[in-house]
């Protein structure tokens, strides 16, 4: 199963190890590049359903405070908002459970953010010279590399160490 849609040309698979190894072999036969990630489980796949049920039970007992910032969910690639009679707290709980068995829509999330709904407010995805600028607050430059594949017009500054 596709577990992460990270950027054009970069999709992460998840599932039973045998199936993932077979998918890697098929990809190689097709001239595609594949590599196995060292992860502890079949995250973002139906195999995580038992964990999702336990997470749901735990979240029902967990207080969720008022959001002070826009939070884009990786399941929907849109911000968490109240919907169809569900409070924001219930929506967040639901999305957190769904994320265990659903793909991460990273590229779509980045496109939503770049559309100017927040941030500079003037940037239109795909236009050169846009005003969007993002900061990667993590070791390495993985997100910067993904964003180059998603939309080259978006500037990403990586802060790889405390001195950056």
Foldseek 3Di string as FASTA:
>chain_A
DFAEPLFVLDTDAFDDPVVNVVVQVVCVVVVHHDDDDPDDHRFQACVCLVVLVVLLVVLVVDDDDDDPDFDQQQQVLHTQQDDDPRHSSRSVSVSVSNRRHHHGHNLSNVQVVQCLPDAPNFGHAPDAPGDAEEEAEEADCVSVVSVCRSGVRYHYHYDRDPVD
